[in-house]
Amino acid sequence: MAKKSWIARNEKRKRTVEKFAEKRKELKEAGDYEGLQKLPRDASPTRVRNRCSITGRSRGYVSRFGVSRIKLRELALDGKIPGIKKASW
């Protein structure tokens, strides 16, 4: 489980990105790079980290499901993800 502060910080960044998305788009189209620099750092979408929605783990994130590789395996083995089963041949 990731630290609560890391998860909270990432959620705050997501809100900031949403808040400034329209303004960033306008400034980029206008070519106003000085205006872009005056926006908060966390307004850039590249600063948002992909995290598991269950545990908050940042590494081994599977974007198709929004969870980490570990939780994906657990959920798949429990049959909680439809259409996913363990391979055997």
PDB file of N, CA and C in Angstrom:
ATOM      1  N   MET A   1       0.841  -1.174   0.000  1.00  0.00           N
ATOM      2  CA  MET A   1       0.000   0.000   0.000  1.00  0.00           C
ATOM      3  C   MET A   1       0.890   1.242   0.000  1.00  0.00           C
ATOM      4  N   ALA A   2       0.596   2.154  -0.900  1.00  0.00           N
ATOM      5  CA  ALA A   2       1.379   3.386  -0.990  1.00  0.00           C
ATOM      6  C   ALA A   2       1.022   4.320   0.172  1.00  0.00           C
ATOM      7  N   LYS A   3       1.910   5.223   0.477  1.00  0.00           N
ATOM      8  CA  LYS A   3       1.635   6.187   1.537  1.00  0.00           C
ATOM      9  C   LYS A   3       0.439   7.044   1.144  1.00  0.00           C
ATOM     10  N   LYS A   4      -0.377   7.348   2.118  1.00  0.00           N
ATOM     11  CA  LYS A   4      -1.582   8.148   1.877  1.00  0.00           C
ATOM     12  C   LYS A   4      -1.232   9.522   1.311  1.00  0.00           C
ATOM     13  N   SER A   5      -0.101  10.068   1.728  1.00  0.00           N
ATOM     14  CA  SER A   5       0.300  11.386   1.255  1.00  0.00           C
ATOM     15  C   SER A   5       0.631  11.372  -0.232  1.00  0.00           C
ATOM     16  N   TRP A   6       1.223  10.269  -0.714  1.00  0.00           N
ATOM     17  CA  TRP A   6       1.547  10.166  -2.141  1.00  0.00           C
ATOM     18  C   TRP A   6       0.286  10.083  -2.970  1.00  0.00           C
ATOM     19  N   ILE A   7      -0.674   9.305  -2.472  1.00  0.00           N
ATOM     20  CA  ILE A   7      -1.945   9.153  -3.189  1.00  0.00           C
ATOM     21  C   ILE A   7      -2.680  10.491  -3.218  1.00  0.00           C
ATOM     22  N   ALA A   8      -2.716  11.170  -2.077  1.00  0.00           N
ATOM     23  CA  ALA A   8      -3.402  12.462  -1.981  1.00  0.00           C
ATOM     24  C   ALA A   8      -2.742  13.502  -2.884  1.00  0.00           C
ATOM     25  N   ARG A   9      -1.413  13.496  -2.928  1.00  0.00           N
ATOM     26  CA  ARG A   9      -0.681  14.452  -3.771  1.00  0.00           C
ATOM     27  C   ARG A   9      -0.998  14.231  -5.245  1.00  0.00           C
ATOM     28  N   ASN A  10      -1.101  12.973  -5.630  1.00  0.00           N
ATOM     29  CA  ASN A  10      -1.406  12.648  -7.018  1.00  0.00           C
ATOM     30  C   ASN A  10      -2.840  13.063  -7.362  1.00  0.00           C
ATOM     31  N   GLU A  11      -3.773  12.868  -6.440  1.00  0.00           N
ATOM     32  CA  GLU A  11      -5.163  13.287  -6.661  1.00  0.00           C
ATOM     33  C   GLU A  11      -5.250  14.810  -6.798  1.00  0.00           C
ATOM     34  N   LYS A  12      -4.466  15.510  -5.997  1.00  0.00           N
ATOM     35  CA  LYS A  12      -4.436  16.974  -6.078  1.00  0.00           C
ATOM     36  C   LYS A  12      -3.900  17.411  -7.439  1.00  0.00           C
ATOM     37  N   ARG A  13      -2.891  16.711  -7.936  1.00  0.00           N
ATOM     38  CA  ARG A  13      -2.336  17.028  -9.254  1.00  0.00           C
ATOM     39  C   ARG A  13      -3.379  16.809 -10.344  1.00  0.00           C
ATOM     40  N   LYS A  14      -4.161  15.729 -10.232  1.00  0.00           N
ATOM     41  CA  LYS A  14      -5.208  15.461 -11.216  1.00  0.00           C
ATOM     42  C   LYS A  14      -6.226  16.583 -11.254  1.00  0.00           C
ATOM     43  N   ARG A  15      -6.606  17.078 -10.083  1.00  0.00           N
ATOM     44  CA  ARG A  15      -7.570  18.195 -10.022  1.00  0.00           C
ATOM     45  C   ARG A  15      -6.973  19.459 -10.647  1.00  0.00           C
ATOM     46  N   THR A  16      -5.694  19.710 -10.391  1.00  0.00           N
ATOM     47  CA  THR A  16      -5.024  20.894 -10.945  1.00  0.00           C
ATOM     48  C   THR A  16      -4.941  20.803 -12.461  1.00  0.00           C
ATOM     49  N   VAL A  17      -4.645  19.618 -12.986  1.00  0.00           N
ATOM     50  CA  VAL A  17      -4.569  19.419 -14.438  1.00  0.00           C
ATOM     51  C   VAL A  17      -5.928  19.711 -15.061  1.00  0.00           C
ATOM     52  N   GLU A  18      -7.004  19.198 -14.451  1.00  0.00           N
ATOM     53  CA  GLU A  18      -8.357  19.457 -14.970  1.00  0.00           C
ATOM     54  C   GLU A  18      -8.684  20.944 -14.940  1.00  0.00           C
ATOM     55  N   LYS A  19      -8.300  21.591 -13.860  1.00  0.00           N
ATOM     56  CA  LYS A  19      -8.618  23.015 -13.673  1.00  0.00           C
ATOM     57  C   LYS A  19      -7.968  23.896 -14.747  1.00  0.00           C
ATOM     58  N   PHE A  20      -6.716  23.582 -15.097  1.00  0.00           N
ATOM     59  CA  PHE A  20      -5.965  24.429 -16.022  1.00  0.00           C
ATOM     60  C   PHE A  20      -5.898  23.874 -17.444  1.00  0.00           C
ATOM     61  N   ALA A  21      -6.600  22.792 -17.732  1.00  0.00           N
ATOM     62  CA  ALA A  21      -6.509  22.151 -19.055  1.00  0.00           C
ATOM     63  C   ALA A  21      -6.884  23.100 -20.179  1.00  0.00           C
ATOM     64  N   GLU A  22      -7.990  23.798 -20.034  1.00  0.00           N
ATOM     65  CA  GLU A  22      -8.466  24.705 -21.086  1.00  0.00           C
ATOM     66  C   GLU A  22      -7.489  25.876 -21.283  1.00  0.00           C
ATOM     67  N   LYS A  23      -7.014  26.432 -20.174  1.00  0.00           N
ATOM     68  CA  LYS A  23      -6.084  27.562 -20.256  1.00  0.00           C
ATOM     69  C   LYS A  23      -4.763  27.131 -20.902  1.00  0.00           C
ATOM     70  N   ARG A  24      -4.263  25.939 -20.532  1.00  0.00           N
ATOM     71  CA  ARG A  24      -3.026  25.418 -21.140  1.00  0.00           C
ATOM     72  C   ARG A  24      -3.191  25.252 -22.640  1.00  0.00           C
ATOM     73  N   LYS A  25      -4.341  24.733 -23.042  1.00  0.00           N
ATOM     74  CA  LYS A  25      -4.605  24.512 -24.467  1.00  0.00           C
ATOM     75  C   LYS A  25      -4.590  25.835 -25.227  1.00  0.00           C
ATOM     76  N   GLU A  26      -5.250  26.848 -24.673  1.00  0.00           N
ATOM     77  CA  GLU A  26      -5.294  28.163 -25.319  1.00  0.00           C
ATOM     78  C   GLU A  26      -3.896  28.770 -25.430  1.00  0.00           C
ATOM     79  N   LEU A  27      -3.121  28.685 -24.348  1.00  0.00           N
ATOM     80  CA  LEU A  27      -1.775  29.259 -24.356  1.00  0.00           C
ATOM     81  C   LEU A  27      -0.869  28.531 -25.339  1.00  0.00           C
ATOM     82  N   LYS A  28      -1.008  27.216 -25.439  1.00  0.00           N
ATOM     83  CA  LYS A  28      -0.192  26.450 -26.388  1.00  0.00           C
ATOM     84  C   LYS A  28      -0.531  26.803 -27.822  1.00  0.00           C
ATOM     85  N   GLU A  29      -1.827  26.940 -28.120  1.00  0.00           N
ATOM     86  CA  GLU A  29      -2.241  27.299 -29.482  1.00  0.00           C
ATOM     87  C   GLU A  29      -1.760  28.684 -29.860  1.00  0.00           C
ATOM     88  N   ALA A  30      -1.762  29.604 -28.872  1.00  0.00           N
ATOM     89  CA  ALA A  30      -1.302  30.967 -29.126  1.00  0.00           C
ATOM     90  C   ALA A  30       0.224  31.049 -29.182  1.00  0.00           C
ATOM     91  N   GLY A  31       0.910  30.029 -28.686  1.00  0.00           N
ATOM     92  CA  GLY A  31       2.366  30.049 -28.672  1.00  0.00           C
ATOM     93  C   GLY A  31       2.930  30.903 -27.552  1.00  0.00           C
ATOM     94  N   ASP A  32       2.131  31.151 -26.520  1.00  0.00           N
ATOM     95  CA  ASP A  32       2.543  31.990 -25.393  1.00  0.00           C
ATOM     96  C   ASP A  32       3.233  31.123 -24.336  1.00  0.00           C
ATOM     97  N   TYR A  33       4.534  30.887 -24.523  1.00  0.00           N
ATOM     98  CA  TYR A  33       5.266  30.008 -23.620  1.00  0.00           C
ATOM     99  C   TYR A  33       5.586  30.684 -22.295  1.00  0.00           C
ATOM    100  N   GLU A  34       5.642  32.011 -22.286  1.00  0.00           N
ATOM    101  CA  GLU A  34       5.856  32.719 -21.019  1.00  0.00           C
ATOM    102  C   GLU A  34       4.618  32.578 -20.137  1.00  0.00           C
ATOM    103  N   GLY A  35       3.455  32.620 -20.771  1.00  0.00           N
ATOM    104  CA  GLY A  35       2.214  32.427 -20.026  1.00  0.00           C
ATOM    105  C   GLY A  35       2.111  31.014 -19.471  1.00  0.00           C
ATOM    106  N   LEU A  36       2.600  30.057 -20.239  1.00  0.00           N
ATOM    107  CA  LEU A  36       2.600  28.664 -19.769  1.00  0.00           C
ATOM    108  C   LEU A  36       3.502  28.497 -18.554  1.00  0.00           C
ATOM    109  N   GLN A  37       4.623  29.212 -18.550  1.00  0.00           N
ATOM    110  CA  GLN A  37       5.550  29.108 -17.428  1.00  0.00           C
ATOM    111  C   GLN A  37       4.965  29.682 -16.144  1.00  0.00           C
ATOM    112  N   LYS A  38       4.003  30.590 -16.275  1.00  0.00           N
ATOM    113  CA  LYS A  38       3.400  31.212 -15.093  1.00  0.00           C
ATOM    114  C   LYS A  38       2.318  30.330 -14.463  1.00  0.00           C
ATOM    115  N   LEU A  39       1.897  29.302 -15.177  1.00  0.00           N
ATOM    116  CA  LEU A  39       0.929  28.361 -14.603  1.00  0.00           C
ATOM    117  C   LEU A  39       1.633  27.503 -13.546  1.00  0.00           C
ATOM    118  N   PRO A  40       0.873  26.923 -12.627  1.00  0.00           N
ATOM    119  CA  PRO A  40       1.507  26.038 -11.633  1.00  0.00           C
ATOM    120  C   PRO A  40       2.173  24.836 -12.301  1.00  0.00           C
ATOM    121  N   ARG A  41       3.225  24.330 -11.699  1.00  0.00           N
ATOM    122  CA  ARG A  41       3.929  23.169 -12.238  1.00  0.00           C
ATOM    123  C   ARG A  41       3.004  21.964 -12.367  1.00  0.00           C
ATOM    124  N   ASP A  42       2.154  21.798 -11.363  1.00  0.00           N
ATOM    125  CA  ASP A  42       1.273  20.630 -11.349  1.00  0.00           C
ATOM    126  C   ASP A  42       0.136  20.728 -12.356  1.00  0.00           C
ATOM    127  N   ALA A  43       0.068  21.799 -13.118  1.00  0.00           N
ATOM    128  CA  ALA A  43      -0.952  21.920 -14.159  1.00  0.00           C
ATOM    129  C   ALA A  43      -0.573  21.122 -15.403  1.00  0.00           C
ATOM    130  N   SER A  44       0.664  20.649 -15.443  1.00  0.00           N
ATOM    131  CA  SER A  44       1.107  19.850 -16.581  1.00  0.00           C
ATOM    132  C   SER A  44       0.674  18.399 -16.399  1.00  0.00           C
ATOM    133  N   PRO A  45       0.031  17.810 -17.420  1.00  0.00           N
ATOM    134  CA  PRO A  45      -0.443  16.430 -17.273  1.00  0.00           C
ATOM    135  C   PRO A  45       0.671  15.393 -17.129  1.00  0.00           C
ATOM    136  N   THR A  46       1.899  15.740 -17.487  1.00  0.00           N
ATOM    137  CA  THR A  46       2.986  14.774 -17.356  1.00  0.00           C
ATOM    138  C   THR A  46       3.393  14.563 -15.904  1.00  0.00           C
ATOM    139  N   ARG A  47       2.955  15.427 -15.009  1.00  0.00           N
ATOM    140  CA  ARG A  47       3.310  15.282 -13.598  1.00  0.00           C
ATOM    141  C   ARG A  47       2.387  14.329 -12.851  1.00  0.00           C
ATOM    142  N   VAL A  48       1.293  13.922 -13.496  1.00  0.00           N
ATOM    143  CA  VAL A  48       0.378  12.968 -12.873  1.00  0.00           C
ATOM    144  C   VAL A  48       0.954  11.568 -13.041  1.00  0.00           C
ATOM    145  N   ARG A  49       0.958  10.816 -11.960  1.00  0.00           N
ATOM    146  CA  ARG A  49       1.511   9.463 -11.956  1.00  0.00           C
ATOM    147  C   ARG A  49       0.366   8.457 -12.022  1.00  0.00           C
ATOM    148  N   ASN A  50       0.490   7.451 -12.886  1.00  0.00           N
ATOM    149  CA  ASN A  50      -0.506   6.385 -12.933  1.00  0.00           C
ATOM    150  C   ASN A  50      -0.367   5.536 -11.682  1.00  0.00           C
ATOM    151  N   ARG A  51      -1.464   5.370 -10.947  1.00  0.00           N
ATOM    152  CA  ARG A  51      -1.444   4.588  -9.720  1.00  0.00           C
ATOM    153  C   ARG A  51      -2.592   3.609  -9.695  1.00  0.00           C
ATOM    154  N   CYS A  52      -2.385   2.495  -9.025  1.00  0.00           N
ATOM    155  CA  CYS A  52      -3.417   1.476  -8.856  1.00  0.00           C
ATOM    156  C   CYS A  52      -4.587   2.094  -8.098  1.00  0.00           C
ATOM    157  N   SER A  53      -5.807   1.848  -8.581  1.00  0.00           N
ATOM    158  CA  SER A  53      -6.980   2.432  -7.939  1.00  0.00           C
ATOM    159  C   SER A  53      -7.308   1.768  -6.608  1.00  0.00           C
ATOM    160  N   ILE A  54      -6.759   0.593  -6.356  1.00  0.00           N
ATOM    161  CA  ILE A  54      -7.043  -0.128  -5.113  1.00  0.00           C
ATOM    162  C   ILE A  54      -5.969   0.126  -4.057  1.00  0.00           C
ATOM    163  N   THR A  55      -4.703  -0.071  -4.432  1.00  0.00           N
ATOM    164  CA  THR A  55      -3.614   0.025  -3.459  1.00  0.00           C
ATOM    165  C   THR A  55      -2.816   1.315  -3.549  1.00  0.00           C
ATOM    166  N   GLY A  56      -2.856   1.982  -4.685  1.00  0.00           N
ATOM    167  CA  GLY A  56      -2.055   3.192  -4.865  1.00  0.00           C
ATOM    168  C   GLY A  56      -0.656   2.909  -5.364  1.00  0.00           C
ATOM    169  N   ARG A  57      -0.358   1.651  -5.663  1.00  0.00           N
ATOM    170  CA  ARG A  57       0.969   1.272  -6.148  1.00  0.00           C
ATOM    171  C   ARG A  57       1.230   1.946  -7.490  1.00  0.00           C
ATOM    172  N   SER A  58       2.452   2.493  -7.664  1.00  0.00           N
ATOM    173  CA  SER A  58       2.758   3.244  -8.877  1.00  0.00           C
ATOM    174  C   SER A  58       3.460   2.388  -9.933  1.00  0.00           C
ATOM    175  N   ARG A  59       4.149   1.345  -9.512  1.00  0.00           N
ATOM    176  CA  ARG A  59       4.882   0.522 -10.470  1.00  0.00           C
ATOM    177  C   ARG A  59       4.055  -0.693 -10.858  1.00  0.00           C
ATOM    178  N   GLY A  60       4.251  -1.157 -12.079  1.00  0.00           N
ATOM    179  CA  GLY A  60       3.516  -2.320 -12.545  1.00  0.00           C
ATOM    180  C   GLY A  60       2.060  -2.005 -12.813  1.00  0.00           C
ATOM    181  N   TYR A  61       1.775  -0.774 -13.219  1.00  0.00           N
ATOM    182  CA  TYR A  61       0.407  -0.319 -13.480  1.00  0.00           C
ATOM    183  C   TYR A  61      -0.058  -0.829 -14.843  1.00  0.00           C
ATOM    184  N   VAL A  62      -1.243  -1.446 -14.890  1.00  0.00           N
ATOM    185  CA  VAL A  62      -1.828  -1.929 -16.134  1.00  0.00           C
ATOM    186  C   VAL A  62      -2.954  -0.963 -16.500  1.00  0.00           C
ATOM    187  N   SER A  63      -2.722  -0.125 -17.512  1.00  0.00           N
ATOM    188  CA  SER A  63      -3.648   0.965 -17.810  1.00  0.00           C
ATOM    189  C   SER A  63      -5.012   0.481 -18.287  1.00  0.00           C
ATOM    190  N   ARG A  64      -5.057  -0.668 -18.927  1.00  0.00           N
ATOM    191  CA  ARG A  64      -6.331  -1.178 -19.436  1.00  0.00           C
ATOM    192  C   ARG A  64      -7.334  -1.418 -18.307  1.00  0.00           C
ATOM    193  N   PHE A  65      -6.829  -1.785 -17.135  1.00  0.00           N
ATOM    194  CA  PHE A  65      -7.698  -2.096 -16.008  1.00  0.00           C
ATOM    195  C   PHE A  65      -7.609  -1.078 -14.883  1.00  0.00           C
ATOM    196  N   GLY A  66      -6.573  -0.261 -14.885  1.00  0.00           N
ATOM    197  CA  GLY A  66      -6.432   0.772 -13.866  1.00  0.00           C
ATOM    198  C   GLY A  66      -5.938   0.249 -12.529  1.00  0.00           C
ATOM    199  N   VAL A  67      -5.314  -0.934 -12.535  1.00  0.00           N
ATOM    200  CA  VAL A  67      -4.786  -1.514 -11.301  1.00  0.00           C
ATOM    201  C   VAL A  67      -3.358  -1.998 -11.541  1.00  0.00           C
ATOM    202  N   SER A  68      -2.681  -2.346 -10.448  1.00  0.00           N
ATOM    203  CA  SER A  68      -1.320  -2.856 -10.571  1.00  0.00           C
ATOM    204  C   SER A  68      -1.351  -4.318 -11.000  1.00  0.00           C
ATOM    205  N   ARG A  69      -0.205  -4.816 -11.423  1.00  0.00           N
ATOM    206  CA  ARG A  69      -0.101  -6.195 -11.900  1.00  0.00           C
ATOM    207  C   ARG A  69      -0.474  -7.190 -10.805  1.00  0.00           C
ATOM    208  N   ILE A  70      -0.165  -6.864  -9.576  1.00  0.00           N
ATOM    209  CA  ILE A  70      -0.438  -7.763  -8.459  1.00  0.00           C
ATOM    210  C   ILE A  70      -1.940  -7.876  -8.217  1.00  0.00           C
ATOM    211  N   LYS A  71      -2.617  -6.726  -8.149  1.00  0.00           N
ATOM    212  CA  LYS A  71      -4.061  -6.728  -7.936  1.00  0.00           C
ATOM    213  C   LYS A  71      -4.789  -7.307  -9.134  1.00  0.00           C
ATOM    214  N   LEU A  72      -4.263  -7.094 -10.333  1.00  0.00           N
ATOM    215  CA  LEU A  72      -4.870  -7.661 -11.532  1.00  0.00           C
ATOM    216  C   LEU A  72      -4.878  -9.181 -11.445  1.00  0.00           C
ATOM    217  N   ARG A  73      -3.770  -9.754 -11.018  1.00  0.00           N
ATOM    218  CA  ARG A  73      -3.675 -11.206 -10.900  1.00  0.00           C
ATOM    219  C   ARG A  73      -4.630 -11.730  -9.833  1.00  0.00           C
ATOM    220  N   GLU A  74      -4.684 -11.041  -8.693  1.00  0.00           N
ATOM    221  CA  GLU A  74      -5.586 -11.471  -7.623  1.00  0.00           C
ATOM    222  C   GLU A  74      -7.046 -11.426  -8.071  1.00  0.00           C
ATOM    223  N   LEU A  75      -7.433 -10.322  -8.711  1.00  0.00           N
ATOM    224  CA  LEU A  75      -8.814 -10.172  -9.171  1.00  0.00           C
ATOM    225  C   LEU A  75      -9.152 -11.190 -10.256  1.00  0.00           C
ATOM    226  N   ALA A  76      -8.192 -11.452 -11.146  1.00  0.00           N
ATOM    227  CA  ALA A  76      -8.431 -12.403 -12.224  1.00  0.00           C
ATOM    228  C   ALA A  76      -8.596 -13.822 -11.671  1.00  0.00           C
ATOM    229  N   LEU A  77      -7.760 -14.190 -10.708  1.00  0.00           N
ATOM    230  CA  LEU A  77      -7.857 -15.521 -10.122  1.00  0.00           C
ATOM    231  C   LEU A  77      -9.144 -15.710  -9.318  1.00  0.00           C
ATOM    232  N   ASP A  78      -9.646 -14.626  -8.735  1.00  0.00           N
ATOM    233  CA  ASP A  78     -10.907 -14.683  -7.992  1.00  0.00           C
ATOM    234  C   ASP A  78     -12.111 -14.650  -8.924  1.00  0.00           C
ATOM    235  N   GLY A  79     -11.858 -14.395 -10.232  1.00  0.00           N
ATOM    236  CA  GLY A  79     -12.944 -14.337 -11.201  1.00  0.00           C
ATOM    237  C   GLY A  79     -13.736 -13.045 -11.158  1.00  0.00           C
ATOM    238  N   LYS A  80     -13.124 -11.975 -10.668  1.00  0.00           N
ATOM    239  CA  LYS A  80     -13.822 -10.693 -10.533  1.00  0.00           C
ATOM    240  C   LYS A  80     -13.663  -9.795 -11.752  1.00  0.00           C
ATOM    241  N   ILE A  81     -12.819 -10.205 -12.702  1.00  0.00           N
ATOM    242  CA  ILE A  81     -12.671  -9.465 -13.951  1.00  0.00           C
ATOM    243  C   ILE A  81     -13.237 -10.344 -15.054  1.00  0.00           C
ATOM    244  N   PRO A  82     -14.346  -9.939 -15.659  1.00  0.00           N
ATOM    245  CA  PRO A  82     -14.959 -10.786 -16.682  1.00  0.00           C
ATOM    246  C   PRO A  82     -14.072 -10.919 -17.917  1.00  0.00           C
ATOM    247  N   GLY A  83     -14.007 -12.145 -18.439  1.00  0.00           N
ATOM    248  CA  GLY A  83     -13.251 -12.403 -19.658  1.00  0.00           C
ATOM    249  C   GLY A  83     -11.784 -12.687 -19.448  1.00  0.00           C
ATOM    250  N   ILE A  84     -11.299 -12.606 -18.224  1.00  0.00           N
ATOM    251  CA  ILE A  84      -9.884 -12.845 -17.942  1.00  0.00           C
ATOM    252  C   ILE A  84      -9.760 -14.165 -17.190  1.00  0.00           C
ATOM    253  N   LYS A  85      -8.876 -15.024 -17.686  1.00  0.00           N
ATOM    254  CA  LYS A  85      -8.595 -16.259 -16.969  1.00  0.00           C
ATOM    255  C   LYS A  85      -7.115 -16.589 -17.132  1.00  0.00           C
ATOM    256  N   LYS A  86      -6.620 -17.396 -16.227  1.00  0.00           N
ATOM    257  CA  LYS A  86      -5.218 -17.783 -16.255  1.00  0.00           C
ATOM    258  C   LYS A  86      -4.942 -18.679 -17.454  1.00  0.00           C
ATOM    259  N   ALA A  87      -3.880 -18.390 -18.150  1.00  0.00           N
ATOM    260  CA  ALA A  87      -3.525 -19.168 -19.331  1.00  0.00           C
ATOM    261  C   ALA A  87      -2.973 -20.524 -18.930  1.00  0.00           C
ATOM    262  N   SER A  88      -3.317 -21.528 -19.710  1.00  0.00           N
ATOM    263  CA  SER A  88      -2.717 -22.843 -19.506  1.00  0.00           C
ATOM    264  C   SER A  88      -2.658 -23.549 -20.864  1.00  0.00           C
ATOM    265  N   TRP A  89      -1.543 -24.196 -21.125  1.00  0.00           N
ATOM    266  CA  TRP A  89      -1.391 -24.908 -22.391  1.00  0.00           C
ATOM    267  C   TRP A  89      -0.487 -26.109 -22.225  1.00  0.00           C
TER     268      TRP A  89
END
